[in-house]
């Protein structure tokens, strides 16, 4: 199951989900989100959700979500690889 399908299901069922997320700077954190919807401002590659631990709405880039409810979606970000790699072949 693709991450988009998991998110679609959570939106449809109005479920809260636990995500592991990687920021642009490479910081990884885990949080529970609810009231999930696709972002009308940023488009389909982003979701808007209520982050329960800090009690506020946040926008998340779907491509930066690493895990949903413990299920891993592997992504590699440049800042996690380091400066020695200029290109992946």
Protein backbone atom coordinates (compact mmCIF):
# COMPACT_ATOMS: atom_id res chain seq x y z
CA UNK A 1 0.00 0.00 0.00
CA UNK A 2 1.38 3.41 -0.96
CA UNK A 3 1.56 6.25 1.49
CA UNK A 4 -1.06 8.18 -0.49
CA UNK A 5 -3.51 5.30 -0.02
CA UNK A 6 -2.89 5.28 3.73
CA UNK A 7 -3.50 9.04 3.90
CA UNK A 8 -6.62 8.78 1.70
CA UNK A 9 -8.00 6.14 4.06
CA UNK A 10 -7.25 8.25 7.15
CA UNK A 11 -9.01 11.24 5.55
CA UNK A 12 -12.01 9.17 4.49
CA UNK A 13 -12.41 7.50 7.91
CA UNK A 14 -11.46 10.66 9.84
CA UNK A 15 -8.76 8.68 11.67
CA UNK A 16 -5.82 10.08 13.54
CA UNK A 17 -2.46 8.59 12.62
CA UNK A 18 1.04 8.52 14.08
CA UNK A 19 3.67 9.74 11.64
CA UNK A 20 7.44 9.92 11.59
CA UNK A 21 8.44 13.01 9.63
CA UNK A 22 11.70 14.37 8.24
CA UNK A 23 12.04 18.16 8.05
CA UNK A 24 13.97 19.93 5.29
CA UNK A 25 16.93 20.24 7.65
CA UNK A 26 16.94 16.48 8.32
CA UNK A 27 15.41 16.53 11.80
CA UNK A 28 13.17 13.51 12.32
CA UNK A 29 10.29 13.58 14.78
CA UNK A 30 7.22 11.51 15.58
CA UNK A 31 3.76 12.92 16.27
CA UNK A 32 0.08 12.05 16.13
CA UNK A 33 -2.00 14.02 13.62
CA UNK A 34 -5.76 14.26 13.16
CA UNK A 35 -8.31 16.27 11.13
CA UNK A 36 -6.26 15.45 8.04
CA UNK A 37 -7.06 17.00 4.67
CA UNK A 38 -5.19 17.74 1.48
CA UNK A 39 -3.78 21.24 1.37
CA UNK A 40 -5.71 23.61 -0.87
CA UNK A 41 -2.87 26.13 -0.62
CA UNK A 42 0.11 23.90 -1.47
CA UNK A 43 -1.64 21.25 -3.56
CA UNK A 44 -1.98 17.47 -3.52
CA UNK A 45 1.56 16.75 -2.39
CA UNK A 46 0.82 18.26 1.02
CA UNK A 47 -1.61 17.63 3.85
CA UNK A 48 -2.93 19.95 6.50
CA UNK A 49 -3.46 18.28 9.88
CA UNK A 50 -3.84 19.02 13.57
CA UNK A 51 -0.65 18.09 15.39
CA UNK A 52 -1.88 16.81 18.74
CA UNK A 53 1.35 17.17 20.75
CA UNK A 54 1.67 20.92 20.12
CA UNK A 55 -2.07 21.49 19.67
CA UNK A 56 -1.93 23.39 16.39
CA UNK A 57 -2.51 22.88 12.66
CA UNK A 58 0.53 22.14 10.54
CA UNK A 59 1.25 21.46 6.87
CA UNK A 60 3.21 18.31 6.02
CA UNK A 61 4.82 17.39 2.71
CA UNK A 62 3.71 13.83 1.95
CA UNK A 63 7.09 12.94 0.48
CA UNK A 64 8.74 13.68 3.84
CA UNK A 65 6.57 11.27 5.83
CA UNK A 66 8.80 8.30 6.65
CA UNK A 67 6.37 6.14 8.66
CA UNK A 68 2.64 5.97 9.30
CA UNK A 69 1.52 3.99 12.36
CA UNK A 70 4.89 2.24 12.38
CA UNK A 71 4.82 1.25 8.70
CA UNK A 72 7.94 2.55 6.92
CA UNK A 73 7.97 4.45 3.64
CA UNK A 74 11.64 4.76 2.75
CA UNK A 75 12.98 8.01 1.35
CA UNK A 76 16.52 9.30 1.04
CA UNK A 77 17.18 13.01 1.48
CA UNK A 78 20.38 14.76 0.45
CA UNK A 79 21.08 16.05 3.94
CA UNK A 80 20.93 12.48 5.29
CA UNK A 81 23.50 11.26 2.72
CA UNK A 82 26.07 14.01 3.23
CA UNK A 83 28.08 16.27 0.99
CA UNK A 84 30.28 13.52 -0.46
CA UNK A 85 27.52 12.48 -2.86
CA UNK A 86 26.67 14.93 -5.60
CA UNK A 87 24.49 12.60 -7.61
CA UNK A 88 22.77 9.25 -7.25
CA UNK A 89 22.97 7.02 -10.34
